[in-house]
Amino acid sequence: MPAAPSAGSGGVLGDEDLQLVLYCCYELQYRGFAGVDERWELAPPVMALRAAIEDAMEAELRESVEPFPPGTGASEVVDELWGMARAEGPSLSAWLLERGTRTHAEELAVHRSAYQLKEADPHTWAIPRLSGEAKAAMVAIQYDEYGDGEAAAMHAALFADTMAALGLDSTYGALLDRIPAETLATTNLISLFGLHRRLRGALVGHLALFEMTSVGPMARYASWMRRLGVPDAGRRFYDVHVEADELHQHIAADDLVGGLLRSEPDLGAEVVFGARALGLVEARFSAMLRRAWDSGRSSLRAPQASPSTVAA
């Protein structure tokens, strides 16, 4: 296996080249790239390069988050997740509700498009790797994410509506060249967990904390977008999440995490690792935005002469 290219001073999580390369390797397993042979999805050179970057990224994550005692019971793990969800800290959504402008809304939508335009897909990798109660809980959450079977109501489609309402190109992958490493890391993290069966516990922890911390921020984003005069169609993405995640957070904690650990009790430490890794990359993402916006700069990368073209 080749060694991962050396990361810059910001480590793997903050390295523009490594995060973009990893995102592109993963994208071969989602929708691919126009003009790229689909057999490259599992081509040995691609897989070797991907694995080298993944190993370096996982090592950095494990060194950066506090480990959780292995063998801890399901109720203690769920309590730990609720403690993380309720912990107070810097809030990007609160900052935007108070100070956010239309430009901030447009930039945030560009950043989040890397994940939201394929929302739920990275977590869906878990379904064949779970069983019983945990699988049923995951399917219940994901069914809502996919619009209860209605294409226009899929959360990815609703986010595309938000982008259109903000005057942005909502074509899948069209704005990838504007998205910096800290943002790509938030999406790459889910694919890293999702594409490795051995990390299924981390993926479950990631999704659980994702759902358990969603309601408050989504409500603030909805209020902020309303203040900016964004039409109903552009706000629906946030309004839907407030309602859906009020239920999802309990399914995620009680049935998804609880069900997994009742079936596989040894995965408790991995569940907490996944949740703490989510907290780490999201904190880095929020800090990057705040640094740029507090200094009056754009948080996006400068446009490139030849933007990436991703297959629809």
C-alpha atoms as a PDB file:
ATOM      1  CA  MET A   1       0.000   0.000   0.000  1.00  0.00           C
ATOM      2  CA  PRO A   2       1.408   3.438  -0.884  1.00  0.00           C
ATOM      3  CA  ALA A   3       2.060   5.926   1.874  1.00  0.00           C
ATOM      4  CA  ALA A   4      -0.400   8.825   2.031  1.00  0.00           C
ATOM      5  CA  PRO A   5       1.035  12.071   0.712  1.00  0.00           C
ATOM      6  CA  SER A   6       2.357  14.246   3.519  1.00  0.00           C
ATOM      7  CA  ALA A   7      -0.289  16.470   5.093  1.00  0.00           C
ATOM      8  CA  GLY A   8       0.203  20.177   5.617  1.00  0.00           C
ATOM      9  CA  SER A   9       0.366  21.980   8.945  1.00  0.00           C
ATOM     10  CA  GLY A  10      -3.403  21.546   9.383  1.00  0.00           C
ATOM     11  CA  GLY A  11      -3.077  17.764   9.369  1.00  0.00           C
ATOM     12  CA  VAL A  12      -5.076  15.417   7.161  1.00  0.00           C
ATOM     13  CA  LEU A  13      -8.385  17.004   8.188  1.00  0.00           C
ATOM     14  CA  GLY A  14      -7.236  20.423   6.996  1.00  0.00           C
ATOM     15  CA  ASP A  15      -5.241  19.433   3.912  1.00  0.00           C
ATOM     16  CA  GLU A  16      -6.943  20.687   0.745  1.00  0.00           C
ATOM     17  CA  ASP A  17      -5.364  18.144  -1.590  1.00  0.00           C
ATOM     18  CA  LEU A  18      -5.855  15.082   0.593  1.00  0.00           C
ATOM     19  CA  GLN A  19      -9.491  15.852   1.389  1.00  0.00           C
ATOM     20  CA  LEU A  20     -10.305  16.561  -2.266  1.00  0.00           C
ATOM     21  CA  VAL A  21      -8.559  13.388  -3.444  1.00  0.00           C
ATOM     22  CA  LEU A  22     -10.412  11.356  -0.825  1.00  0.00           C
ATOM     23  CA  TYR A  23     -13.735  12.973  -1.743  1.00  0.00           C
ATOM     24  CA  CYS A  24     -13.146  12.101  -5.411  1.00  0.00           C
ATOM     25  CA  CYS A  25     -12.209   8.510  -4.561  1.00  0.00           C
ATOM     26  CA  TYR A  26     -15.432   8.191  -2.589  1.00  0.00           C
ATOM     27  CA  GLU A  27     -17.487   9.888  -5.287  1.00  0.00           C
ATOM     28  CA  LEU A  28     -16.634   7.031  -7.617  1.00  0.00           C
ATOM     29  CA  GLN A  29     -18.882   4.924  -5.351  1.00  0.00           C
ATOM     30  CA  TYR A  30     -21.738   7.430  -5.387  1.00  0.00           C
ATOM     31  CA  ARG A  31     -22.483   9.049  -8.748  1.00  0.00           C
ATOM     32  CA  GLY A  32     -19.107   9.027 -10.450  1.00  0.00           C
ATOM     33  CA  PHE A  33     -17.601  11.609 -12.782  1.00  0.00           C
ATOM     34  CA  ALA A  34     -18.494  12.462 -16.352  1.00  0.00           C
ATOM     35  CA  GLY A  35     -16.062  10.778 -18.735  1.00  0.00           C
ATOM     36  CA  VAL A  36     -14.514   8.519 -16.061  1.00  0.00           C
ATOM     37  CA  ASP A  37     -14.803   4.764 -16.606  1.00  0.00           C
ATOM     38  CA  GLU A  38     -17.048   3.373 -13.868  1.00  0.00           C
ATOM     39  CA  ARG A  39     -14.646   0.449 -13.395  1.00  0.00           C
ATOM     40  CA  TRP A  40     -12.325   2.886 -11.596  1.00  0.00           C
ATOM     41  CA  GLU A  41     -14.670   2.612  -8.609  1.00  0.00           C
ATOM     42  CA  LEU A  42     -12.743  -0.411  -7.265  1.00  0.00           C
ATOM     43  CA  ALA A  43      -9.567  -0.152  -9.313  1.00  0.00           C
ATOM     44  CA  PRO A  44      -6.588  -1.294  -7.197  1.00  0.00           C
ATOM     45  CA  PRO A  45      -4.568   1.932  -7.635  1.00  0.00           C
ATOM     46  CA  VAL A  46      -7.562   4.042  -6.518  1.00  0.00           C
ATOM     47  CA  MET A  47      -8.314   1.756  -3.604  1.00  0.00           C
ATOM     48  CA  ALA A  48      -4.674   1.760  -2.490  1.00  0.00           C
ATOM     49  CA  LEU A  49      -4.475   5.543  -2.562  1.00  0.00           C
ATOM     50  CA  ARG A  50      -7.825   5.848  -0.790  1.00  0.00           C
ATOM     51  CA  ALA A  51      -6.764   3.405   1.907  1.00  0.00           C
ATOM     52  CA  ALA A  52      -3.544   5.279   2.569  1.00  0.00           C
ATOM     53  CA  ILE A  53      -5.388   8.572   3.095  1.00  0.00           C
ATOM     54  CA  GLU A  54      -8.110   6.850   5.123  1.00  0.00           C
ATOM     55  CA  ASP A  55      -5.565   5.279   7.459  1.00  0.00           C
ATOM     56  CA  ALA A  56      -3.901   8.629   8.061  1.00  0.00           C
ATOM     57  CA  MET A  57      -7.245  10.347   8.616  1.00  0.00           C
ATOM     58  CA  GLU A  58      -8.522   7.690  10.999  1.00  0.00           C
ATOM     59  CA  ALA A  59      -5.290   7.782  12.996  1.00  0.00           C
ATOM     60  CA  GLU A  60      -5.546  11.566  13.300  1.00  0.00           C
ATOM     61  CA  LEU A  61      -9.158  11.327  14.431  1.00  0.00           C
ATOM     62  CA  ARG A  62      -8.391   8.697  17.057  1.00  0.00           C
ATOM     63  CA  GLU A  63      -5.485  10.765  18.384  1.00  0.00           C
ATOM     64  CA  SER A  64      -7.676  13.895  18.522  1.00  0.00           C
ATOM     65  CA  VAL A  65     -10.726  12.622  20.417  1.00  0.00           C
ATOM     66  CA  GLU A  66     -10.874  11.230  23.930  1.00  0.00           C
ATOM     67  CA  PRO A  67     -11.339   7.446  23.926  1.00  0.00           C
ATOM     68  CA  PHE A  68     -14.349   5.941  25.645  1.00  0.00           C
ATOM     69  CA  PRO A  69     -13.990   2.907  27.938  1.00  0.00           C
ATOM     70  CA  PRO A  70     -14.649  -0.317  26.001  1.00  0.00           C
ATOM     71  CA  GLY A  71     -17.280  -2.709  27.279  1.00  0.00           C
ATOM     72  CA  THR A  72     -19.533   0.069  28.593  1.00  0.00           C
ATOM     73  CA  GLY A  73     -23.226  -0.778  28.664  1.00  0.00           C
ATOM     74  CA  ALA A  74     -25.832   0.517  26.215  1.00  0.00           C
ATOM     75  CA  SER A  75     -27.504   2.849  28.720  1.00  0.00           C
ATOM     76  CA  GLU A  76     -24.184   4.484  29.622  1.00  0.00           C
ATOM     77  CA  VAL A  77     -23.344   5.002  25.943  1.00  0.00           C
ATOM     78  CA  VAL A  78     -26.751   6.569  25.280  1.00  0.00           C
ATOM     79  CA  ASP A  79     -26.315   8.813  28.338  1.00  0.00           C
ATOM     80  CA  GLU A  80     -22.922   9.884  26.998  1.00  0.00           C
ATOM     81  CA  LEU A  81     -24.464  10.809  23.641  1.00  0.00           C
ATOM     82  CA  TRP A  82     -27.218  12.831  25.304  1.00  0.00           C
ATOM     83  CA  GLY A  83     -24.570  14.614  27.350  1.00  0.00           C
ATOM     84  CA  MET A  84     -22.717  15.523  24.161  1.00  0.00           C
ATOM     85  CA  ALA A  85     -25.939  16.628  22.474  1.00  0.00           C
ATOM     86  CA  ARG A  86     -26.867  18.939  25.354  1.00  0.00           C
ATOM     87  CA  ALA A  87     -23.403  20.368  25.923  1.00  0.00           C
ATOM     88  CA  GLU A  88     -23.165  24.109  25.451  1.00  0.00           C
ATOM     89  CA  GLY A  89     -20.590  25.568  23.110  1.00  0.00           C
ATOM     90  CA  PRO A  90     -20.114  28.006  20.233  1.00  0.00           C
ATOM     91  CA  SER A  91     -23.177  27.837  17.986  1.00  0.00           C
ATOM     92  CA  LEU A  92     -22.870  28.608  14.293  1.00  0.00           C
ATOM     93  CA  SER A  93     -26.653  28.672  13.898  1.00  0.00           C
ATOM     94  CA  ALA A  94     -27.026  31.170  16.766  1.00  0.00           C
ATOM     95  CA  TRP A  95     -24.329  33.394  15.256  1.00  0.00           C
ATOM     96  CA  LEU A  96     -26.066  33.337  11.886  1.00  0.00           C
ATOM     97  CA  LEU A  97     -29.499  33.976  13.376  1.00  0.00           C
ATOM     98  CA  GLU A  98     -28.110  37.098  15.019  1.00  0.00           C
ATOM     99  CA  ARG A  99     -25.653  38.360  12.386  1.00  0.00           C
ATOM    100  CA  GLY A 100     -26.024  36.297   9.233  1.00  0.00           C
ATOM    101  CA  THR A 101     -26.503  37.986   5.862  1.00  0.00           C
ATOM    102  CA  ARG A 102     -27.680  36.771   2.483  1.00  0.00           C
ATOM    103  CA  THR A 103     -24.029  36.253   1.496  1.00  0.00           C
ATOM    104  CA  HIS A 104     -23.511  34.049   4.529  1.00  0.00           C
ATOM    105  CA  ALA A 105     -26.590  32.017   3.560  1.00  0.00           C
ATOM    106  CA  GLU A 106     -25.258  31.497   0.057  1.00  0.00           C
ATOM    107  CA  GLU A 107     -21.819  30.461   1.307  1.00  0.00           C
ATOM    108  CA  LEU A 108     -23.247  28.078   3.891  1.00  0.00           C
ATOM    109  CA  ALA A 109     -25.372  26.419   1.214  1.00  0.00           C
ATOM    110  CA  VAL A 110     -22.315  25.931  -1.004  1.00  0.00           C
ATOM    111  CA  HIS A 111     -20.405  24.337   1.867  1.00  0.00           C
ATOM    112  CA  ARG A 112     -23.226  22.030   2.879  1.00  0.00           C
ATOM    113  CA  SER A 113     -23.984  21.013  -0.716  1.00  0.00           C
ATOM    114  CA  ALA A 114     -21.098  18.531  -0.613  1.00  0.00           C
ATOM    115  CA  TYR A 115     -23.181  16.404   1.748  1.00  0.00           C
ATOM    116  CA  GLN A 116     -26.770  17.638   1.517  1.00  0.00           C
ATOM    117  CA  LEU A 117     -27.139  16.951  -2.203  1.00  0.00           C
ATOM    118  CA  LYS A 118     -26.557  13.293  -1.350  1.00  0.00           C
ATOM    119  CA  GLU A 119     -28.066  13.478   2.120  1.00  0.00           C
ATOM    120  CA  ALA A 120     -28.600  10.088   3.761  1.00  0.00           C
ATOM    121  CA  ASP A 121     -26.601   8.150   1.152  1.00  0.00           C
ATOM    122  CA  PRO A 122     -23.385   7.802   3.216  1.00  0.00           C
ATOM    123  CA  HIS A 123     -25.302   6.580   6.280  1.00  0.00           C
ATOM    124  CA  THR A 124     -27.323   4.125   4.190  1.00  0.00           C
ATOM    125  CA  TRP A 125     -24.232   1.936   3.792  1.00  0.00           C
ATOM    126  CA  ALA A 126     -24.965   0.782   7.366  1.00  0.00           C
ATOM    127  CA  ILE A 127     -28.257  -0.930   6.561  1.00  0.00           C
ATOM    128  CA  PRO A 128     -26.872  -4.271   5.247  1.00  0.00           C
ATOM    129  CA  ARG A 129     -24.336  -4.281   8.101  1.00  0.00           C
ATOM    130  CA  LEU A 130     -26.900  -4.099  10.881  1.00  0.00           C
ATOM    131  CA  SER A 131     -29.530  -6.548  12.024  1.00  0.00           C
ATOM    132  CA  GLY A 132     -32.705  -6.697  14.070  1.00  0.00           C
ATOM    133  CA  GLU A 133     -33.737  -3.646  16.059  1.00  0.00           C
ATOM    134  CA  ALA A 134     -30.843  -1.481  14.903  1.00  0.00           C
ATOM    135  CA  LYS A 135     -31.507  -2.206  11.220  1.00  0.00           C
ATOM    136  CA  ALA A 136     -35.208  -1.422  11.606  1.00  0.00           C
ATOM    137  CA  ALA A 137     -34.388   1.874  13.336  1.00  0.00           C
ATOM    138  CA  MET A 138     -31.903   2.840  10.632  1.00  0.00           C
ATOM    139  CA  VAL A 139     -34.441   2.083   7.902  1.00  0.00           C
ATOM    140  CA  ALA A 140     -37.097   4.139   9.702  1.00  0.00           C
ATOM    141  CA  ILE A 141     -34.789   7.163   9.856  1.00  0.00           C
ATOM    142  CA  GLN A 142     -33.563   6.778   6.299  1.00  0.00           C
ATOM    143  CA  TYR A 143     -37.082   6.342   4.916  1.00  0.00           C
ATOM    144  CA  ASP A 144     -37.908   9.836   6.182  1.00  0.00           C
ATOM    145  CA  GLU A 145     -34.630  11.182   4.790  1.00  0.00           C
ATOM    146  CA  TYR A 146     -35.660   9.881   1.376  1.00  0.00           C
ATOM    147  CA  GLY A 147     -38.996  11.691   1.510  1.00  0.00           C
ATOM    148  CA  ASP A 148     -41.138   8.690   2.471  1.00  0.00           C
ATOM    149  CA  GLY A 149     -40.735   7.471  -1.086  1.00  0.00           C
ATOM    150  CA  GLU A 150     -41.607  10.791  -2.766  1.00  0.00           C
ATOM    151  CA  ALA A 151     -38.755  12.062  -4.931  1.00  0.00           C
ATOM    152  CA  ALA A 152     -39.556  15.774  -4.547  1.00  0.00           C
ATOM    153  CA  ALA A 153     -39.687  15.388  -0.752  1.00  0.00           C
ATOM    154  CA  MET A 154     -36.285  13.754  -0.385  1.00  0.00           C
ATOM    155  CA  HIS A 155     -34.118  15.900   1.856  1.00  0.00           C
ATOM    156  CA  ALA A 156     -31.484  16.154  -0.862  1.00  0.00           C
ATOM    157  CA  ALA A 157     -34.149  17.494  -3.241  1.00  0.00           C
ATOM    158  CA  LEU A 158     -35.349  19.985  -0.619  1.00  0.00           C
ATOM    159  CA  PHE A 159     -31.792  21.244  -0.187  1.00  0.00           C
ATOM    160  CA  ALA A 160     -31.520  21.697  -3.954  1.00  0.00           C
ATOM    161  CA  ASP A 161     -34.664  23.861  -3.663  1.00  0.00           C
ATOM    162  CA  THR A 162     -32.940  25.926  -0.973  1.00  0.00           C
ATOM    163  CA  MET A 163     -29.930  26.448  -3.221  1.00  0.00           C
ATOM    164  CA  ALA A 164     -32.169  27.478  -6.127  1.00  0.00           C
ATOM    165  CA  ALA A 165     -34.022  29.947  -3.882  1.00  0.00           C
ATOM    166  CA  LEU A 166     -30.650  31.494  -3.033  1.00  0.00           C
ATOM    167  CA  GLY A 167     -29.723  31.791  -6.709  1.00  0.00           C
ATOM    168  CA  LEU A 168     -27.125  29.007  -6.603  1.00  0.00           C
ATOM    169  CA  ASP A 169     -26.416  26.213  -9.054  1.00  0.00           C
ATOM    170  CA  SER A 170     -27.892  23.114  -7.411  1.00  0.00           C
ATOM    171  CA  THR A 171     -26.441  20.688  -9.961  1.00  0.00           C
ATOM    172  CA  TYR A 172     -24.795  17.803  -8.122  1.00  0.00           C
ATOM    173  CA  GLY A 173     -21.069  18.499  -7.756  1.00  0.00           C
ATOM    174  CA  ALA A 174     -21.123  21.805  -9.646  1.00  0.00           C
ATOM    175  CA  LEU A 175     -19.584  23.803  -6.787  1.00  0.00           C
ATOM    176  CA  LEU A 176     -17.067  21.263  -5.555  1.00  0.00           C
ATOM    177  CA  ASP A 177     -14.111  23.444  -6.522  1.00  0.00           C
ATOM    178  CA  ARG A 178     -15.274  26.145  -4.071  1.00  0.00           C
ATOM    179  CA  ILE A 179     -15.373  23.871  -1.029  1.00  0.00           C
ATOM    180  CA  PRO A 180     -12.357  23.833   1.348  1.00  0.00           C
ATOM    181  CA  ALA A 181     -10.812  20.948   3.240  1.00  0.00           C
ATOM    182  CA  GLU A 182     -12.598  21.518   6.545  1.00  0.00           C
ATOM    183  CA  THR A 183     -15.946  21.158   4.779  1.00  0.00           C
ATOM    184  CA  LEU A 184     -14.961  18.139   2.702  1.00  0.00           C
ATOM    185  CA  ALA A 185     -13.763  16.445   5.897  1.00  0.00           C
ATOM    186  CA  THR A 186     -17.276  16.608   7.361  1.00  0.00           C
ATOM    187  CA  THR A 187     -18.587  14.611   4.402  1.00  0.00           C
ATOM    188  CA  ASN A 188     -15.572  12.348   3.964  1.00  0.00           C
ATOM    189  CA  LEU A 189     -15.905  11.302   7.597  1.00  0.00           C
ATOM    190  CA  ILE A 190     -19.328   9.750   6.934  1.00  0.00           C
ATOM    191  CA  SER A 191     -18.096   7.920   3.842  1.00  0.00           C
ATOM    192  CA  LEU A 192     -15.061   6.673   5.770  1.00  0.00           C
ATOM    193  CA  PHE A 193     -17.335   5.173   8.412  1.00  0.00           C
ATOM    194  CA  GLY A 194     -19.950   4.001   5.923  1.00  0.00           C
ATOM    195  CA  LEU A 195     -17.656   2.173   3.517  1.00  0.00           C
ATOM    196  CA  HIS A 196     -15.981   0.014   6.166  1.00  0.00           C
ATOM    197  CA  ARG A 197     -17.966  -2.657   7.958  1.00  0.00           C
ATOM    198  CA  ARG A 198     -15.522  -2.586  10.883  1.00  0.00           C
ATOM    199  CA  LEU A 199     -16.561   1.063  11.479  1.00  0.00           C
ATOM    200  CA  ARG A 200     -20.311   0.397  11.592  1.00  0.00           C
ATOM    201  CA  GLY A 201     -20.394   1.339  15.272  1.00  0.00           C
ATOM    202  CA  ALA A 202     -18.779   4.683  14.519  1.00  0.00           C
ATOM    203  CA  LEU A 203     -21.268   5.276  11.703  1.00  0.00           C
ATOM    204  CA  VAL A 204     -24.180   4.594  14.041  1.00  0.00           C
ATOM    205  CA  GLY A 205     -22.715   6.970  16.628  1.00  0.00           C
ATOM    206  CA  HIS A 206     -22.242   9.632  13.977  1.00  0.00           C
ATOM    207  CA  LEU A 207     -25.830   9.400  12.748  1.00  0.00           C
ATOM    208  CA  ALA A 208     -27.229   9.262  16.276  1.00  0.00           C
ATOM    209  CA  LEU A 209     -25.490  12.451  17.401  1.00  0.00           C
ATOM    210  CA  PHE A 210     -26.341  14.045  14.041  1.00  0.00           C
ATOM    211  CA  GLU A 211     -30.028  13.495  14.748  1.00  0.00           C
ATOM    212  CA  MET A 212     -29.784  14.324  18.455  1.00  0.00           C
ATOM    213  CA  THR A 213     -28.264  17.764  17.796  1.00  0.00           C
ATOM    214  CA  SER A 214     -30.377  18.783  14.795  1.00  0.00           C
ATOM    215  CA  VAL A 215     -33.644  20.267  16.074  1.00  0.00           C
ATOM    216  CA  GLY A 216     -32.350  23.469  17.690  1.00  0.00           C
ATOM    217  CA  PRO A 217     -29.947  24.475  14.900  1.00  0.00           C
ATOM    218  CA  MET A 218     -32.467  23.677  12.160  1.00  0.00           C
ATOM    219  CA  ALA A 219     -35.093  25.827  13.896  1.00  0.00           C
ATOM    220  CA  ARG A 220     -32.621  28.705  14.107  1.00  0.00           C
ATOM    221  CA  TYR A 221     -31.650  28.297  10.444  1.00  0.00           C
ATOM    222  CA  ALA A 222     -35.341  28.349   9.490  1.00  0.00           C
ATOM    223  CA  SER A 223     -35.894  31.560  11.460  1.00  0.00           C
ATOM    224  CA  TRP A 224     -32.793  33.125   9.935  1.00  0.00           C
ATOM    225  CA  MET A 225     -33.870  32.252   6.394  1.00  0.00           C
ATOM    226  CA  ARG A 226     -37.301  33.705   7.122  1.00  0.00           C
ATOM    227  CA  ARG A 227     -35.665  36.932   8.318  1.00  0.00           C
ATOM    228  CA  LEU A 228     -33.684  37.075   5.073  1.00  0.00           C
ATOM    229  CA  GLY A 229     -36.903  36.820   3.061  1.00  0.00           C
ATOM    230  CA  VAL A 230     -36.149  33.414   1.558  1.00  0.00           C
ATOM    231  CA  PRO A 231     -39.436  32.014   0.153  1.00  0.00           C
ATOM    232  CA  ASP A 232     -41.215  29.017   1.648  1.00  0.00           C
ATOM    233  CA  ALA A 233     -39.731  26.583  -0.869  1.00  0.00           C
ATOM    234  CA  GLY A 234     -36.237  27.642   0.152  1.00  0.00           C
ATOM    235  CA  ARG A 235     -36.980  27.219   3.859  1.00  0.00           C
ATOM    236  CA  ARG A 236     -38.788  23.907   3.676  1.00  0.00           C
ATOM    237  CA  PHE A 237     -35.561  21.930   4.027  1.00  0.00           C
ATOM    238  CA  TYR A 238     -35.031  23.400   7.506  1.00  0.00           C
ATOM    239  CA  ASP A 239     -38.677  23.266   8.557  1.00  0.00           C
ATOM    240  CA  VAL A 240     -38.919  19.586   7.621  1.00  0.00           C
ATOM    241  CA  HIS A 241     -35.832  18.742   9.654  1.00  0.00           C
ATOM    242  CA  VAL A 242     -37.216  20.413  12.764  1.00  0.00           C
ATOM    243  CA  GLU A 243     -40.252  18.159  12.629  1.00  0.00           C
ATOM    244  CA  ALA A 244     -38.546  14.962  11.467  1.00  0.00           C
ATOM    245  CA  ASP A 245     -35.561  15.128  13.787  1.00  0.00           C
ATOM    246  CA  GLU A 246     -37.723  15.678  16.855  1.00  0.00           C
ATOM    247  CA  LEU A 247     -38.728  12.045  16.343  1.00  0.00           C
ATOM    248  CA  HIS A 248     -35.468  10.814  14.814  1.00  0.00           C
ATOM    249  CA  GLN A 249     -33.374  11.791  17.830  1.00  0.00           C
ATOM    250  CA  HIS A 250     -35.244   9.355  20.059  1.00  0.00           C
ATOM    251  CA  ILE A 251     -35.262   6.563  17.480  1.00  0.00           C
ATOM    252  CA  ALA A 252     -31.524   7.096  17.011  1.00  0.00           C
ATOM    253  CA  ALA A 253     -30.711   7.011  20.725  1.00  0.00           C
ATOM    254  CA  ASP A 254     -33.098   4.338  21.966  1.00  0.00           C
ATOM    255  CA  ASP A 255     -33.552   1.995  19.018  1.00  0.00           C
ATOM    256  CA  LEU A 256     -30.537   2.506  16.752  1.00  0.00           C
ATOM    257  CA  VAL A 257     -27.753   2.861  19.334  1.00  0.00           C
ATOM    258  CA  GLY A 258     -29.550   0.866  21.984  1.00  0.00           C
ATOM    259  CA  GLY A 259     -30.498  -1.868  19.546  1.00  0.00           C
ATOM    260  CA  LEU A 260     -26.972  -2.116  18.139  1.00  0.00           C
ATOM    261  CA  LEU A 261     -25.404  -2.422  21.585  1.00  0.00           C
ATOM    262  CA  ARG A 262     -27.936  -4.939  22.792  1.00  0.00           C
ATOM    263  CA  SER A 263     -26.911  -7.031  19.777  1.00  0.00           C
ATOM    264  CA  GLU A 264     -23.183  -6.139  19.714  1.00  0.00           C
ATOM    265  CA  PRO A 265     -22.241  -4.823  23.169  1.00  0.00           C
ATOM    266  CA  ASP A 266     -18.549  -4.576  22.322  1.00  0.00           C
ATOM    267  CA  LEU A 267     -19.214  -1.665  19.920  1.00  0.00           C
ATOM    268  CA  GLY A 268     -19.997   0.937  22.587  1.00  0.00           C
ATOM    269  CA  ALA A 269     -16.598   2.634  22.443  1.00  0.00           C
ATOM    270  CA  GLU A 270     -16.830   2.816  18.648  1.00  0.00           C
ATOM    271  CA  VAL A 271     -20.289   4.410  18.825  1.00  0.00           C
ATOM    272  CA  VAL A 272     -18.902   7.161  21.059  1.00  0.00           C
ATOM    273  CA  PHE A 273     -15.826   7.515  18.822  1.00  0.00           C
ATOM    274  CA  GLY A 274     -18.073   8.171  15.831  1.00  0.00           C
ATOM    275  CA  ALA A 275     -20.043  10.783  17.747  1.00  0.00           C
ATOM    276  CA  ARG A 276     -16.911  12.503  19.042  1.00  0.00           C
ATOM    277  CA  ALA A 277     -15.363  12.490  15.573  1.00  0.00           C
ATOM    278  CA  LEU A 278     -18.500  14.233  14.299  1.00  0.00           C
ATOM    279  CA  GLY A 279     -18.149  16.851  17.029  1.00  0.00           C
ATOM    280  CA  LEU A 280     -14.497  17.397  16.117  1.00  0.00           C
ATOM    281  CA  VAL A 281     -14.956  17.923  12.371  1.00  0.00           C
ATOM    282  CA  GLU A 282     -18.055  20.091  12.853  1.00  0.00           C
ATOM    283  CA  ALA A 283     -16.211  22.280  15.382  1.00  0.00           C
ATOM    284  CA  ARG A 284     -13.348  22.719  12.909  1.00  0.00           C
ATOM    285  CA  PHE A 285     -15.832  23.558  10.155  1.00  0.00           C
ATOM    286  CA  SER A 286     -17.670  26.145  12.270  1.00  0.00           C
ATOM    287  CA  ALA A 287     -14.421  27.718  13.456  1.00  0.00           C
ATOM    288  CA  MET A 288     -13.209  28.045   9.873  1.00  0.00           C
ATOM    289  CA  LEU A 289     -16.414  29.845   8.867  1.00  0.00           C
ATOM    290  CA  ARG A 290     -16.315  32.160  11.869  1.00  0.00           C
ATOM    291  CA  ARG A 291     -12.660  33.095  11.267  1.00  0.00           C
ATOM    292  CA  ALA A 292     -13.426  34.045   7.690  1.00  0.00           C
ATOM    293  CA  TRP A 293     -16.672  35.883   8.386  1.00  0.00           C
ATOM    294  CA  ASP A 294     -15.418  37.711  11.480  1.00  0.00           C
ATOM    295  CA  SER A 295     -12.590  39.102   9.368  1.00  0.00           C
ATOM    296  CA  GLY A 296     -14.882  40.032   6.461  1.00  0.00           C
ATOM    297  CA  ARG A 297     -13.521  37.351   4.118  1.00  0.00           C
ATOM    298  CA  SER A 298     -15.281  34.721   2.057  1.00  0.00           C
ATOM    299  CA  SER A 299     -15.128  31.237   3.536  1.00  0.00           C
ATOM    300  CA  LEU A 300     -15.068  29.638   0.080  1.00  0.00           C
ATOM    301  CA  ARG A 301     -12.153  28.794  -2.136  1.00  0.00           C
ATOM    302  CA  ALA A 302     -11.592  31.039  -5.145  1.00  0.00           C
ATOM    303  CA  PRO A 303     -13.285  29.806  -8.352  1.00  0.00           C
ATOM    304  CA  GLN A 304     -11.097  27.574 -10.502  1.00  0.00           C
ATOM    305  CA  ALA A 305     -10.663  27.969 -14.228  1.00  0.00           C
ATOM    306  CA  SER A 306     -11.837  24.408 -14.923  1.00  0.00           C
ATOM    307  CA  PRO A 307     -14.338  23.327 -12.288  1.00  0.00           C
ATOM    308  CA  SER A 308     -14.881  19.638 -11.621  1.00  0.00           C
ATOM    309  CA  THR A 309     -17.713  18.054 -13.548  1.00  0.00           C
ATOM    310  CA  VAL A 310     -19.592  15.304 -11.735  1.00  0.00           C
ATOM    311  CA  ALA A 311     -21.987  13.022 -13.545  1.00  0.00           C
ATOM    312  CA  ALA A 312     -25.647  13.651 -12.747  1.00  0.00           C
END
